[in-house]
Amino acid sequence: MQSGRSQSVVGPIPERVQAFQPADSDTRGKHRILAELKRLEQEARFLEEELEQIERMEKASGACKEMLSNMETTPDPLLPM
């Protein structure tokens, strides 16, 4: 689900920027725009990877039940018996 969307969103952005460039050659402005696009693409990839990890994670209720059962079976060493 995420991979198809990332290819369609991330891929054509540099081409659109190159088509939008002004007639005069302002290389500093062009460099800034391309650097910002690269940063945004990296952030988008990071967020997509994070979403994929979240989708693969176990449900929270199952993890809470497991932790609760472990806590109930192991006595607290700081509390007197």
N, C-alpha and C. Protein backbone atom coordinates (compact mmCIF):
# COMPACT_ATOMS: atom_id res chain seq x y z
N MET A 1 0.82 -1.19 0.00
CA MET A 1 0.00 0.00 0.00
C MET A 1 0.86 1.25 0.00
N GLN A 2 1.87 1.31 0.85
CA GLN A 2 2.71 2.48 0.95
C GLN A 2 3.66 2.60 -0.23
N SER A 3 4.17 1.44 -0.71
CA SER A 3 5.21 1.50 -1.73
C SER A 3 4.71 2.08 -3.04
N GLY A 4 3.48 1.77 -3.45
CA GLY A 4 2.95 2.34 -4.69
C GLY A 4 2.78 3.83 -4.59
N ARG A 5 2.34 4.29 -3.45
CA ARG A 5 2.14 5.71 -3.27
C ARG A 5 3.47 6.44 -3.22
N SER A 6 4.48 5.85 -2.58
CA SER A 6 5.78 6.53 -2.47
C SER A 6 6.42 6.71 -3.83
N GLN A 7 6.26 5.74 -4.73
CA GLN A 7 6.87 5.87 -6.04
C GLN A 7 6.20 6.97 -6.86
N SER A 8 4.88 7.10 -6.73
CA SER A 8 4.18 8.11 -7.52
C SER A 8 4.37 9.51 -6.95
N VAL A 9 4.59 9.63 -5.63
CA VAL A 9 4.73 10.95 -5.02
C VAL A 9 6.18 11.42 -5.07
N VAL A 10 7.12 10.54 -4.76
CA VAL A 10 8.51 10.94 -4.63
C VAL A 10 9.18 11.09 -5.99
N GLY A 11 8.86 10.24 -6.94
CA GLY A 11 9.55 10.21 -8.22
C GLY A 11 9.47 11.48 -9.04
N PRO A 12 8.28 11.99 -9.38
CA PRO A 12 8.21 13.08 -10.35
C PRO A 12 8.49 14.47 -9.81
N ILE A 13 8.77 14.64 -8.55
CA ILE A 13 8.97 15.98 -7.98
C ILE A 13 10.15 16.71 -8.62
N PRO A 14 11.34 16.11 -8.76
CA PRO A 14 12.46 16.85 -9.39
C PRO A 14 12.14 17.28 -10.81
N GLU A 15 11.41 16.48 -11.58
CA GLU A 15 11.07 16.86 -12.95
C GLU A 15 10.17 18.09 -12.94
N ARG A 16 9.23 18.14 -12.01
CA ARG A 16 8.35 19.30 -11.92
C ARG A 16 9.13 20.55 -11.54
N VAL A 17 10.12 20.40 -10.66
CA VAL A 17 10.93 21.56 -10.25
C VAL A 17 11.77 22.04 -11.43
N GLN A 18 12.34 21.13 -12.19
CA GLN A 18 13.15 21.53 -13.34
C GLN A 18 12.30 22.24 -14.38
N ALA A 19 11.05 21.83 -14.56
CA ALA A 19 10.17 22.48 -15.51
C ALA A 19 9.74 23.85 -15.02
N PHE A 20 9.77 24.08 -13.72
CA PHE A 20 9.31 25.33 -13.12
C PHE A 20 10.42 26.36 -12.98
N GLN A 21 11.64 26.05 -13.34
CA GLN A 21 12.77 26.94 -13.13
C GLN A 21 12.60 28.23 -13.93
N PRO A 22 12.98 29.36 -13.33
CA PRO A 22 12.89 30.63 -14.04
C PRO A 22 13.92 30.71 -15.17
N ALA A 23 13.74 31.68 -16.06
CA ALA A 23 14.60 31.83 -17.24
C ALA A 23 16.04 32.17 -16.83
N ASP A 24 16.20 33.07 -15.84
CA ASP A 24 17.56 33.42 -15.42
C ASP A 24 18.13 32.27 -14.58
N SER A 25 19.45 32.16 -14.56
CA SER A 25 20.08 31.04 -13.87
C SER A 25 20.48 31.46 -12.46
N ASP A 26 19.55 31.36 -11.54
CA ASP A 26 19.81 31.63 -10.12
C ASP A 26 20.17 30.30 -9.49
N THR A 27 21.46 29.99 -9.49
CA THR A 27 21.90 28.67 -9.03
C THR A 27 21.72 28.49 -7.53
N ARG A 28 21.82 29.56 -6.76
CA ARG A 28 21.63 29.41 -5.32
C ARG A 28 20.19 29.06 -5.00
N GLY A 29 19.24 29.72 -5.64
CA GLY A 29 17.83 29.42 -5.42
C GLY A 29 17.49 28.01 -5.87
N LYS A 30 18.04 27.62 -6.99
CA LYS A 30 17.81 26.27 -7.52
C LYS A 30 18.38 25.24 -6.56
N HIS A 31 19.58 25.50 -6.05
CA HIS A 31 20.20 24.57 -5.10
C HIS A 31 19.37 24.45 -3.83
N ARG A 32 18.89 25.58 -3.33
CA ARG A 32 18.06 25.55 -2.11
C ARG A 32 16.79 24.74 -2.32
N ILE A 33 16.16 24.94 -3.46
CA ILE A 33 14.92 24.21 -3.74
C ILE A 33 15.20 22.71 -3.83
N LEU A 34 16.26 22.33 -4.55
CA LEU A 34 16.58 20.92 -4.68
C LEU A 34 16.99 20.30 -3.34
N ALA A 35 17.71 21.06 -2.51
CA ALA A 35 18.09 20.56 -1.19
C ALA A 35 16.85 20.36 -0.32
N GLU A 36 15.92 21.29 -0.37
CA GLU A 36 14.68 21.16 0.41
C GLU A 36 13.87 19.96 -0.08
N LEU A 37 13.81 19.76 -1.39
CA LEU A 37 13.09 18.61 -1.93
C LEU A 37 13.73 17.30 -1.49
N LYS A 38 15.05 17.27 -1.49
CA LYS A 38 15.75 16.06 -1.06
C LYS A 38 15.45 15.78 0.41
N ARG A 39 15.44 16.83 1.24
CA ARG A 39 15.13 16.66 2.66
C ARG A 39 13.70 16.15 2.84
N LEU A 40 12.76 16.71 2.09
CA LEU A 40 11.36 16.28 2.20
C LEU A 40 11.19 14.84 1.72
N GLU A 41 11.90 14.46 0.66
CA GLU A 41 11.82 13.08 0.19
C GLU A 41 12.37 12.11 1.23
N GLN A 42 13.47 12.48 1.87
CA GLN A 42 14.04 11.64 2.92
C GLN A 42 13.07 11.52 4.09
N GLU A 43 12.45 12.62 4.47
CA GLU A 43 11.49 12.59 5.57
C GLU A 43 10.28 11.73 5.21
N ALA A 44 9.83 11.83 3.97
CA ALA A 44 8.69 11.01 3.53
C ALA A 44 9.05 9.53 3.57
N ARG A 45 10.26 9.18 3.12
CA ARG A 45 10.70 7.78 3.17
C ARG A 45 10.78 7.29 4.61
N PHE A 46 11.32 8.13 5.52
CA PHE A 46 11.42 7.77 6.92
C PHE A 46 10.03 7.52 7.51
N LEU A 47 9.08 8.41 7.22
CA LEU A 47 7.73 8.24 7.75
C LEU A 47 7.04 7.00 7.18
N GLU A 48 7.27 6.70 5.91
CA GLU A 48 6.69 5.49 5.32
C GLU A 48 7.26 4.24 5.96
N GLU A 49 8.57 4.23 6.23
CA GLU A 49 9.18 3.09 6.92
C GLU A 49 8.62 2.94 8.32
N GLU A 50 8.43 4.05 9.01
CA GLU A 50 7.88 4.01 10.35
C GLU A 50 6.44 3.48 10.34
N LEU A 51 5.64 3.91 9.36
CA LEU A 51 4.28 3.39 9.24
C LEU A 51 4.28 1.88 8.97
N GLU A 52 5.18 1.42 8.13
CA GLU A 52 5.26 -0.01 7.87
C GLU A 52 5.62 -0.79 9.13
N GLN A 53 6.53 -0.25 9.95
CA GLN A 53 6.89 -0.91 11.21
C GLN A 53 5.69 -0.95 12.15
N ILE A 54 4.94 0.12 12.21
CA ILE A 54 3.76 0.17 13.08
C ILE A 54 2.72 -0.85 12.63
N GLU A 55 2.54 -0.99 11.32
CA GLU A 55 1.57 -1.95 10.80
C GLU A 55 1.98 -3.38 11.14
N ARG A 56 3.28 -3.66 11.23
CA ARG A 56 3.75 -5.01 11.54
C ARG A 56 3.74 -5.31 13.03
N MET A 57 3.59 -4.29 13.86
CA MET A 57 3.65 -4.49 15.31
C MET A 57 2.45 -5.27 15.81
N GLU A 58 2.67 -5.95 16.93
CA GLU A 58 1.59 -6.68 17.59
C GLU A 58 0.62 -5.68 18.20
N LYS A 59 -0.61 -6.11 18.32
CA LYS A 59 -1.63 -5.25 18.93
C LYS A 59 -1.23 -4.92 20.36
N ALA A 60 -1.55 -3.73 20.81
CA ALA A 60 -1.14 -3.26 22.14
C ALA A 60 -1.82 -4.07 23.23
N SER A 61 -3.06 -4.48 23.05
CA SER A 61 -3.76 -5.20 24.10
C SER A 61 -3.08 -6.54 24.38
N GLY A 62 -2.58 -7.22 23.35
CA GLY A 62 -1.88 -8.48 23.54
C GLY A 62 -0.59 -8.28 24.31
N ALA A 63 0.14 -7.24 23.99
CA ALA A 63 1.39 -6.95 24.69
C ALA A 63 1.12 -6.58 26.14
N CYS A 64 0.05 -5.83 26.40
CA CYS A 64 -0.29 -5.45 27.78
C CYS A 64 -0.67 -6.67 28.60
N LYS A 65 -1.43 -7.59 28.00
CA LYS A 65 -1.81 -8.82 28.71
C LYS A 65 -0.58 -9.64 29.06
N GLU A 66 0.35 -9.74 28.14
CA GLU A 66 1.56 -10.50 28.39
C GLU A 66 2.39 -9.86 29.50
N MET A 67 2.53 -8.54 29.48
CA MET A 67 3.29 -7.85 30.52
C MET A 67 2.61 -8.02 31.88
N LEU A 68 1.29 -7.93 31.92
CA LEU A 68 0.55 -8.08 33.17
C LEU A 68 0.73 -9.48 33.74
N SER A 69 0.67 -10.49 32.90
CA SER A 69 0.85 -11.86 33.39
C SER A 69 2.27 -12.06 33.92
N ASN A 70 3.27 -11.47 33.27
CA ASN A 70 4.65 -11.57 33.75
C ASN A 70 4.82 -10.86 35.09
N MET A 71 4.18 -9.73 35.26
CA MET A 71 4.30 -8.97 36.51
C MET A 71 3.59 -9.69 37.66
N GLU A 72 2.47 -10.34 37.38
CA GLU A 72 1.73 -11.04 38.42
C GLU A 72 2.45 -12.29 38.90
N THR A 73 3.18 -12.96 38.02
CA THR A 73 3.86 -14.20 38.40
C THR A 73 5.19 -13.95 39.08
N THR A 74 5.81 -12.81 38.87
CA THR A 74 7.10 -12.50 39.47
C THR A 74 6.91 -11.57 40.65
N PRO A 75 7.30 -12.01 41.86
CA PRO A 75 7.12 -11.14 43.04
C PRO A 75 8.09 -9.96 43.00
N ASP A 76 7.65 -8.84 43.58
CA ASP A 76 8.48 -7.65 43.64
C ASP A 76 9.51 -7.84 44.78
N PRO A 77 10.80 -7.77 44.47
CA PRO A 77 11.80 -8.00 45.51
C PRO A 77 11.86 -6.89 46.57
N LEU A 78 11.28 -5.75 46.30
CA LEU A 78 11.34 -4.64 47.26
C LEU A 78 10.17 -4.65 48.25
N LEU A 79 9.14 -5.41 47.96
CA LEU A 79 7.99 -5.48 48.86
C LEU A 79 8.15 -6.66 49.82
N PRO A 80 7.81 -6.43 51.12
CA PRO A 80 7.91 -7.56 52.07
C PRO A 80 6.80 -8.57 51.79
N MET A 81 7.11 -9.83 52.06
CA MET A 81 6.14 -10.89 51.79
C MET A 81 5.30 -11.20 52.98
